[in-house]
Amino acid sequence: MRSAYDIVKSHYEASDRRDIVGMLADVADDCRWTEMDGFPCAGTYVGAQAILDNVFKVLGRDFDGYTFSLERLLDADDDVIGIGTYTGSYKATGKAFTARVVHVWGARDDKIRRFEQFTDTLRVAQAMR
């Protein structure tokens, strides 16, 4: 069985390849994925399809070059912390943004069970105005 760290690392590696199937491969059916209040995809979504529809498709539709760049990945047993930066441009305004972000993951039994995002939503909102 893979560690939580390895599962999350695989998610980020798939993200770097722009491989959405790989990004969602280890998401549990009951995974609770929370995007921060004030973020364009704010809310909590359960399961891979809801995450795809309400997060990844929305970001792809509304932003050009939306990217997460991982700087550090911290191992805390069943919890994993990803620290990095979001960048992109909002299509409707053409304005670019850069925002610091922390992802808090929970994984066990070879599946991602929960995700919570903490980011500077003001930077994204400013690009959207």
N, C-alpha and C. Protein backbone atom coordinates (compact mmCIF):
# COMPACT_ATOMS: atom_id res chain seq x y z
N MET A 1 0.85 -1.19 0.00
CA MET A 1 0.00 0.00 0.00
C MET A 1 0.89 1.25 0.00
N ARG A 2 0.52 2.23 -0.80
CA ARG A 2 1.29 3.47 -0.88
C ARG A 2 1.01 4.37 0.31
N SER A 3 1.97 5.20 0.64
CA SER A 3 1.79 6.17 1.72
C SER A 3 0.94 7.33 1.21
N ALA A 4 0.38 8.09 2.15
CA ALA A 4 -0.38 9.29 1.79
C ALA A 4 0.52 10.24 0.99
N TYR A 5 1.75 10.37 1.40
CA TYR A 5 2.70 11.24 0.71
C TYR A 5 2.84 10.82 -0.75
N ASP A 6 3.01 9.53 -1.01
CA ASP A 6 3.17 9.03 -2.38
C ASP A 6 1.91 9.24 -3.22
N ILE A 7 0.76 9.09 -2.60
CA ILE A 7 -0.51 9.29 -3.31
C ILE A 7 -0.64 10.75 -3.75
N VAL A 8 -0.38 11.67 -2.83
CA VAL A 8 -0.49 13.09 -3.15
C VAL A 8 0.60 13.50 -4.14
N LYS A 9 1.79 12.98 -3.98
CA LYS A 9 2.87 13.26 -4.93
C LYS A 9 2.46 12.83 -6.34
N SER A 10 1.80 11.69 -6.44
CA SER A 10 1.32 11.22 -7.75
C SER A 10 0.29 12.18 -8.34
N HIS A 11 -0.58 12.73 -7.49
CA HIS A 11 -1.56 13.71 -7.96
C HIS A 11 -0.84 14.92 -8.56
N TYR A 12 0.13 15.45 -7.84
CA TYR A 12 0.86 16.63 -8.33
C TYR A 12 1.65 16.32 -9.61
N GLU A 13 2.21 15.13 -9.70
CA GLU A 13 2.93 14.75 -10.92
C GLU A 13 1.98 14.70 -12.11
N ALA A 14 0.77 14.18 -11.89
CA ALA A 14 -0.25 14.16 -12.94
C ALA A 14 -0.66 15.58 -13.31
N SER A 15 -0.77 16.45 -12.31
CA SER A 15 -1.10 17.85 -12.57
C SER A 15 -0.04 18.50 -13.45
N ASP A 16 1.21 18.24 -13.16
CA ASP A 16 2.31 18.80 -13.96
C ASP A 16 2.22 18.34 -15.42
N ARG A 17 1.71 17.12 -15.64
CA ARG A 17 1.55 16.58 -17.00
C ARG A 17 0.24 17.02 -17.64
N ARG A 18 -0.61 17.74 -16.86
CA ARG A 18 -1.96 18.11 -17.32
C ARG A 18 -2.80 16.87 -17.60
N ASP A 19 -2.64 15.87 -16.76
CA ASP A 19 -3.30 14.56 -16.88
C ASP A 19 -4.45 14.50 -15.87
N ILE A 20 -5.64 14.93 -16.30
CA ILE A 20 -6.79 15.00 -15.39
C ILE A 20 -7.20 13.62 -14.89
N VAL A 21 -7.10 12.60 -15.74
CA VAL A 21 -7.43 11.23 -15.32
C VAL A 21 -6.50 10.80 -14.19
N GLY A 22 -5.21 11.09 -14.35
CA GLY A 22 -4.24 10.75 -13.30
C GLY A 22 -4.47 11.54 -12.03
N MET A 23 -4.87 12.80 -12.17
CA MET A 23 -5.14 13.63 -11.00
C MET A 23 -6.29 13.09 -10.16
N LEU A 24 -7.26 12.49 -10.82
CA LEU A 24 -8.46 12.00 -10.12
C LEU A 24 -8.40 10.50 -9.82
N ALA A 25 -7.36 9.82 -10.28
CA ALA A 25 -7.28 8.36 -10.17
C ALA A 25 -7.39 7.85 -8.73
N ASP A 26 -6.82 8.57 -7.79
CA ASP A 26 -6.79 8.10 -6.40
C ASP A 26 -7.81 8.78 -5.50
N VAL A 27 -8.75 9.51 -6.08
CA VAL A 27 -9.79 10.19 -5.30
C VAL A 27 -10.86 9.17 -4.89
N ALA A 28 -11.11 9.07 -3.60
CA ALA A 28 -12.13 8.16 -3.08
C ALA A 28 -13.52 8.64 -3.49
N ASP A 29 -14.45 7.70 -3.61
CA ASP A 29 -15.83 8.05 -3.96
C ASP A 29 -16.45 9.04 -2.98
N ASP A 30 -16.02 8.97 -1.71
CA ASP A 30 -16.57 9.87 -0.69
C ASP A 30 -15.60 10.98 -0.29
N CYS A 31 -14.60 11.24 -1.12
CA CYS A 31 -13.63 12.31 -0.85
C CYS A 31 -14.35 13.64 -0.76
N ARG A 32 -14.02 14.41 0.27
CA ARG A 32 -14.57 15.76 0.45
C ARG A 32 -13.50 16.76 0.05
N TRP A 33 -13.74 17.48 -1.03
CA TRP A 33 -12.78 18.41 -1.63
C TRP A 33 -13.29 19.81 -1.40
N THR A 34 -12.58 20.63 -0.64
CA THR A 34 -13.04 21.97 -0.27
C THR A 34 -12.15 23.04 -0.88
N GLU A 35 -12.77 23.89 -1.69
CA GLU A 35 -12.13 25.08 -2.24
C GLU A 35 -12.54 26.26 -1.36
N MET A 36 -11.60 27.10 -1.05
CA MET A 36 -11.76 28.18 -0.08
C MET A 36 -12.87 29.16 -0.46
N ASP A 37 -13.59 29.63 0.55
CA ASP A 37 -14.59 30.67 0.36
C ASP A 37 -13.92 31.89 -0.25
N GLY A 38 -14.54 32.48 -1.26
CA GLY A 38 -13.97 33.62 -1.96
C GLY A 38 -13.21 33.23 -3.21
N PHE A 39 -12.95 31.93 -3.39
CA PHE A 39 -12.28 31.42 -4.59
C PHE A 39 -13.34 31.15 -5.65
N PRO A 40 -13.03 31.23 -6.94
CA PRO A 40 -14.05 31.03 -7.98
C PRO A 40 -14.80 29.70 -7.88
N CYS A 41 -14.18 28.68 -7.35
CA CYS A 41 -14.82 27.36 -7.23
C CYS A 41 -15.21 27.05 -5.80
N ALA A 42 -15.44 28.05 -4.99
CA ALA A 42 -15.69 27.86 -3.56
C ALA A 42 -16.77 26.83 -3.30
N GLY A 43 -16.51 25.99 -2.32
CA GLY A 43 -17.49 24.98 -1.92
C GLY A 43 -16.81 23.68 -1.59
N THR A 44 -17.62 22.72 -1.16
CA THR A 44 -17.14 21.38 -0.87
C THR A 44 -17.84 20.42 -1.82
N TYR A 45 -17.05 19.61 -2.49
CA TYR A 45 -17.54 18.68 -3.51
C TYR A 45 -17.14 17.27 -3.10
N VAL A 46 -18.04 16.32 -3.35
CA VAL A 46 -17.81 14.94 -2.92
C VAL A 46 -17.67 14.04 -4.14
N GLY A 47 -16.52 13.37 -4.22
CA GLY A 47 -16.27 12.42 -5.30
C GLY A 47 -15.63 13.04 -6.53
N ALA A 48 -15.00 12.17 -7.32
CA ALA A 48 -14.22 12.61 -8.47
C ALA A 48 -15.04 13.39 -9.50
N GLN A 49 -16.24 12.94 -9.81
CA GLN A 49 -17.04 13.62 -10.83
C GLN A 49 -17.41 15.03 -10.40
N ALA A 50 -17.80 15.19 -9.15
CA ALA A 50 -18.15 16.52 -8.64
C ALA A 50 -16.93 17.44 -8.63
N ILE A 51 -15.77 16.89 -8.30
CA ILE A 51 -14.53 17.68 -8.31
C ILE A 51 -14.20 18.09 -9.74
N LEU A 52 -14.30 17.16 -10.66
CA LEU A 52 -14.03 17.46 -12.07
C LEU A 52 -14.96 18.56 -12.57
N ASP A 53 -16.26 18.41 -12.33
CA ASP A 53 -17.26 19.35 -12.86
C ASP A 53 -17.19 20.73 -12.22
N ASN A 54 -16.94 20.78 -10.90
CA ASN A 54 -17.05 22.04 -10.16
C ASN A 54 -15.72 22.74 -9.90
N VAL A 55 -14.62 22.05 -10.15
CA VAL A 55 -13.31 22.66 -9.93
C VAL A 55 -12.50 22.68 -11.23
N PHE A 56 -12.07 21.53 -11.67
CA PHE A 56 -11.13 21.49 -12.79
C PHE A 56 -11.72 22.00 -14.10
N LYS A 57 -12.96 21.65 -14.40
CA LYS A 57 -13.58 22.16 -15.63
C LYS A 57 -13.80 23.67 -15.56
N VAL A 58 -14.20 24.16 -14.40
CA VAL A 58 -14.44 25.60 -14.23
C VAL A 58 -13.14 26.38 -14.39
N LEU A 59 -12.07 25.91 -13.76
CA LEU A 59 -10.79 26.60 -13.87
C LEU A 59 -10.30 26.58 -15.32
N GLY A 60 -10.45 25.46 -16.00
CA GLY A 60 -10.04 25.36 -17.40
C GLY A 60 -10.87 26.24 -18.32
N ARG A 61 -12.14 26.38 -18.00
CA ARG A 61 -13.04 27.19 -18.82
C ARG A 61 -12.79 28.69 -18.63
N ASP A 62 -12.52 29.10 -17.39
CA ASP A 62 -12.48 30.53 -17.06
C ASP A 62 -11.08 31.15 -17.05
N PHE A 63 -10.04 30.33 -17.03
CA PHE A 63 -8.67 30.84 -16.91
C PHE A 63 -7.78 30.31 -18.02
N ASP A 64 -6.86 31.13 -18.47
CA ASP A 64 -5.79 30.71 -19.38
C ASP A 64 -4.54 30.43 -18.55
N GLY A 65 -3.89 29.32 -18.86
CA GLY A 65 -2.62 29.02 -18.21
C GLY A 65 -2.71 28.81 -16.72
N TYR A 66 -3.87 28.38 -16.22
CA TYR A 66 -4.02 28.16 -14.77
C TYR A 66 -3.07 27.04 -14.35
N THR A 67 -2.18 27.36 -13.41
CA THR A 67 -1.15 26.41 -13.01
C THR A 67 -0.93 26.47 -11.50
N PHE A 68 -0.66 25.31 -10.93
CA PHE A 68 -0.18 25.22 -9.55
C PHE A 68 1.26 24.76 -9.60
N SER A 69 2.15 25.52 -8.97
CA SER A 69 3.57 25.16 -8.90
C SER A 69 3.90 24.76 -7.47
N LEU A 70 4.21 23.49 -7.28
CA LEU A 70 4.54 22.96 -5.96
C LEU A 70 5.96 23.36 -5.57
N GLU A 71 6.09 23.90 -4.36
CA GLU A 71 7.41 24.24 -3.83
C GLU A 71 7.87 23.26 -2.76
N ARG A 72 6.94 22.85 -1.90
CA ARG A 72 7.29 21.91 -0.83
C ARG A 72 6.13 20.96 -0.61
N LEU A 73 6.47 19.72 -0.30
CA LEU A 73 5.49 18.71 0.04
C LEU A 73 5.89 18.11 1.38
N LEU A 74 5.03 18.29 2.38
CA LEU A 74 5.35 17.88 3.74
C LEU A 74 4.55 16.65 4.13
N ASP A 75 5.23 15.68 4.70
CA ASP A 75 4.66 14.41 5.10
C ASP A 75 4.29 14.44 6.58
N ALA A 76 3.02 14.20 6.88
CA ALA A 76 2.56 14.14 8.27
C ALA A 76 1.68 12.90 8.46
N ASP A 77 2.22 11.73 8.10
CA ASP A 77 1.54 10.44 8.21
C ASP A 77 0.37 10.37 7.24
N ASP A 78 -0.89 10.36 7.72
CA ASP A 78 -2.04 10.32 6.82
C ASP A 78 -2.40 11.69 6.25
N ASP A 79 -1.73 12.73 6.73
CA ASP A 79 -1.93 14.08 6.23
C ASP A 79 -0.70 14.51 5.44
N VAL A 80 -0.94 15.28 4.40
CA VAL A 80 0.13 15.79 3.55
C VAL A 80 -0.17 17.26 3.26
N ILE A 81 0.86 18.09 3.29
CA ILE A 81 0.71 19.52 3.06
C ILE A 81 1.50 19.89 1.80
N GLY A 82 0.82 20.49 0.84
CA GLY A 82 1.47 21.00 -0.36
C GLY A 82 1.48 22.52 -0.30
N ILE A 83 2.65 23.10 -0.50
CA ILE A 83 2.81 24.56 -0.45
C ILE A 83 3.31 25.02 -1.82
N GLY A 84 2.65 26.05 -2.35
CA GLY A 84 3.08 26.51 -3.67
C GLY A 84 2.41 27.79 -4.09
N THR A 85 2.28 27.93 -5.42
CA THR A 85 1.77 29.16 -6.02
C THR A 85 0.83 28.84 -7.17
N TYR A 86 -0.28 29.54 -7.23
CA TYR A 86 -1.17 29.51 -8.38
C TYR A 86 -0.79 30.68 -9.30
N THR A 87 -0.87 30.45 -10.61
CA THR A 87 -0.73 31.52 -11.59
C THR A 87 -1.73 31.28 -12.70
N GLY A 88 -2.06 32.32 -13.41
CA GLY A 88 -2.95 32.21 -14.55
C GLY A 88 -3.49 33.57 -14.93
N SER A 89 -4.36 33.59 -15.93
CA SER A 89 -5.03 34.81 -16.38
C SER A 89 -6.52 34.52 -16.51
N TYR A 90 -7.31 35.45 -16.03
CA TYR A 90 -8.76 35.32 -16.14
C TYR A 90 -9.15 35.69 -17.57
N LYS A 91 -9.81 34.79 -18.28
CA LYS A 91 -10.12 34.99 -19.69
C LYS A 91 -10.97 36.24 -19.95
N ALA A 92 -11.96 36.49 -19.12
CA ALA A 92 -12.89 37.59 -19.36
C ALA A 92 -12.23 38.96 -19.27
N THR A 93 -11.19 39.09 -18.44
CA THR A 93 -10.54 40.39 -18.27
C THR A 93 -9.14 40.43 -18.87
N GLY A 94 -8.55 39.26 -19.08
CA GLY A 94 -7.17 39.19 -19.56
C GLY A 94 -6.14 39.49 -18.49
N LYS A 95 -6.59 39.70 -17.26
CA LYS A 95 -5.67 40.04 -16.16
C LYS A 95 -5.05 38.78 -15.56
N ALA A 96 -3.75 38.87 -15.30
CA ALA A 96 -3.01 37.77 -14.71
C ALA A 96 -3.00 37.89 -13.18
N PHE A 97 -2.75 36.77 -12.52
CA PHE A 97 -2.62 36.76 -11.07
C PHE A 97 -1.55 35.76 -10.65
N THR A 98 -1.05 35.97 -9.46
CA THR A 98 -0.17 35.04 -8.76
C THR A 98 -0.67 35.01 -7.32
N ALA A 99 -0.90 33.82 -6.78
CA ALA A 99 -1.42 33.70 -5.42
C ALA A 99 -0.75 32.54 -4.70
N ARG A 100 -0.29 32.79 -3.50
CA ARG A 100 0.27 31.72 -2.67
C ARG A 100 -0.87 30.80 -2.23
N VAL A 101 -0.53 29.52 -2.00
CA VAL A 101 -1.55 28.54 -1.66
C VAL A 101 -0.96 27.42 -0.81
N VAL A 102 -1.81 26.89 0.06
CA VAL A 102 -1.49 25.69 0.83
C VAL A 102 -2.63 24.71 0.62
N HIS A 103 -2.28 23.47 0.32
CA HIS A 103 -3.25 22.38 0.20
C HIS A 103 -3.04 21.43 1.37
N VAL A 104 -4.11 21.07 2.03
CA VAL A 104 -4.06 20.10 3.12
C VAL A 104 -4.82 18.85 2.67
N TRP A 105 -4.12 17.75 2.60
CA TRP A 105 -4.66 16.49 2.09
C TRP A 105 -4.78 15.47 3.21
N GLY A 106 -5.76 14.60 3.09
CA GLY A 106 -5.86 13.44 3.95
C GLY A 106 -6.02 12.21 3.07
N ALA A 107 -5.20 11.22 3.30
CA ALA A 107 -5.27 10.00 2.50
C ALA A 107 -5.04 8.78 3.39
N ARG A 108 -5.75 7.73 3.07
CA ARG A 108 -5.53 6.44 3.74
C ARG A 108 -6.16 5.36 2.88
N ASP A 109 -5.74 4.13 3.10
CA ASP A 109 -6.23 2.98 2.34
C ASP A 109 -6.09 3.22 0.83
N ASP A 110 -4.97 3.83 0.43
CA ASP A 110 -4.64 4.04 -0.98
C ASP A 110 -5.56 5.04 -1.70
N LYS A 111 -6.27 5.88 -0.97
CA LYS A 111 -7.19 6.84 -1.59
C LYS A 111 -7.09 8.21 -0.92
N ILE A 112 -7.34 9.24 -1.71
CA ILE A 112 -7.46 10.60 -1.18
C ILE A 112 -8.84 10.71 -0.56
N ARG A 113 -8.89 11.05 0.71
CA ARG A 113 -10.15 11.10 1.46
C ARG A 113 -10.65 12.54 1.64
N ARG A 114 -9.70 13.49 1.67
CA ARG A 114 -10.12 14.89 1.85
C ARG A 114 -9.04 15.82 1.33
N PHE A 115 -9.47 17.00 0.95
CA PHE A 115 -8.60 18.05 0.45
C PHE A 115 -9.18 19.38 0.90
N GLU A 116 -8.31 20.28 1.35
CA GLU A 116 -8.76 21.62 1.67
C GLU A 116 -7.72 22.62 1.18
N GLN A 117 -8.19 23.66 0.53
CA GLN A 117 -7.35 24.69 -0.06
C GLN A 117 -7.39 25.95 0.80
N PHE A 118 -6.21 26.56 0.98
CA PHE A 118 -6.08 27.85 1.64
C PHE A 118 -5.26 28.73 0.71
N THR A 119 -5.86 29.83 0.23
CA THR A 119 -5.16 30.66 -0.75
C THR A 119 -5.52 32.13 -0.60
N ASP A 120 -4.75 32.96 -1.24
CA ASP A 120 -4.99 34.41 -1.26
C ASP A 120 -6.06 34.69 -2.31
N THR A 121 -7.31 34.60 -1.91
CA THR A 121 -8.42 34.78 -2.86
C THR A 121 -8.49 36.20 -3.40
N LEU A 122 -7.96 37.18 -2.68
CA LEU A 122 -7.98 38.56 -3.16
C LEU A 122 -7.22 38.68 -4.48
N ARG A 123 -6.08 38.02 -4.60
CA ARG A 123 -5.28 38.10 -5.83
C ARG A 123 -6.08 37.57 -7.03
N VAL A 124 -6.81 36.50 -6.83
CA VAL A 124 -7.62 35.92 -7.91
C VAL A 124 -8.79 36.87 -8.21
N ALA A 125 -9.45 37.35 -7.19
CA ALA A 125 -10.59 38.26 -7.37
C ALA A 125 -10.17 39.53 -8.12
N GLN A 126 -9.00 40.06 -7.83
CA GLN A 126 -8.53 41.26 -8.52
C GLN A 126 -8.35 41.00 -10.02
N ALA A 127 -7.91 39.82 -10.38
CA ALA A 127 -7.77 39.47 -11.80
C ALA A 127 -9.12 39.35 -12.48
N MET A 128 -10.15 39.03 -11.69
CA MET A 128 -11.50 38.82 -12.25
C MET A 128 -12.28 40.12 -12.41
N ARG A 129 -11.75 41.24 -11.91
CA ARG A 129 -12.44 42.54 -12.00
C ARG A 129 -11.88 43.39 -13.11
